[in-house]
Amino acid sequence: MRLGGRRKSVIFFLTLGVCLVALALALNVGWILLNWREVALLVLGVVVFVVIITGVVLNTTFLIREIRRNEQHDAFINAVTHELKTPITSIRLYLETLKTREVSDARRREFYDIMLADSARLMQTVEQVLRAGRATHKQRRSNASVINLGQLTRECLELIRVRYDLDPASLHYTETLDEAGARVSGDTDELRAVVSNLLDNAVKYSDKEIDIAVEVATLDERRVALRVSDRGVGIPRAQLKRIFRRFYRVQGGFMKRFKGTGLGLFIVRSVVERHGGRVFAESAGVGRGSTFTILLPRA
């Protein structure tokens, strides 16, 4: 079902719900006026009226949620298909070129680098989907260790800089720590995925000018914070809490040029909560950048 068809379905069921409520109200009020002396029937009529209204509201709510969920699933499938198909097509093209044509050693090395980058992108998409599946499980992590969050963040920053070939001046890192440092207890791979997802989003949604500030700070003797700020497209305030839902992507025409699966921030929230922390987003609005803050308990 297309988006237009789904919207028409939503309008239809909303109109149907309103009409049923109005009809039930008219019938019930008329019946009460005609039979006001029948106390027992009056009470029964009120109960039936409440049941009818409740059923109509629940039915309409369920239909709207199902339509929205199907839209999100379709958008996710389309995004994943694009993220998988693009690097595969690129790798195949370069392999066919190497097979059918004579190329210089310099060009061959260039083709190898491009194919390796596409393979890394493909692997990243697959890992994102698998990690999102694991994120729904609430079992305790088995690979917990003491981690230096500052060091982990610096490593992720360097990987991001190399991956996107960024000017070092576009990434700003600061630490505000006490003597105990920023040590947390957790799974290294999972926390690395959290930091990488936030940095990836900061680069991706910075639009034309990439200016990212990252800070690791100790708030008190119990908590350490990681903040990632950008000057990108920003987030509408009404959607700041929704962006951590699975498959959810920020709504608005300005987002159409950005591709994504809607899993990154869901993974961030799931992993952080499993480590006993919390994450939240702040933004002054569209076009005014955003800041993501992670709070984790100190080791």
Foldseek 3Di string as FASTA:
>chain_A
DDPVVLVVVLVVLVVVLVVQLVVLVVVLVVVCVVPVVPVVVNVVSVVVNVVSNVVSVVVSVVSNVVSVVVVLVVQLVVLLCCQQVVLVVLLVVLVVCVVPDDDDPVVVVVSVVSNVLSVVSNVVSVVLVVLLVVLVDLDADDQKDKDQVLVLLVVLVVVVCVSVVHDPQQEAEEEAEDPVHFIAIDHSVLVSLLSNLLVVVLVQQQPPRRHKYWYWYAPDLWKIKIKIKHQGFWAAPVCFVVLLDASDDGDDPVCPVGGDNSRSSVSNQSRLVSQVKGKTKDTPHTRGIIMIMIMGTHD
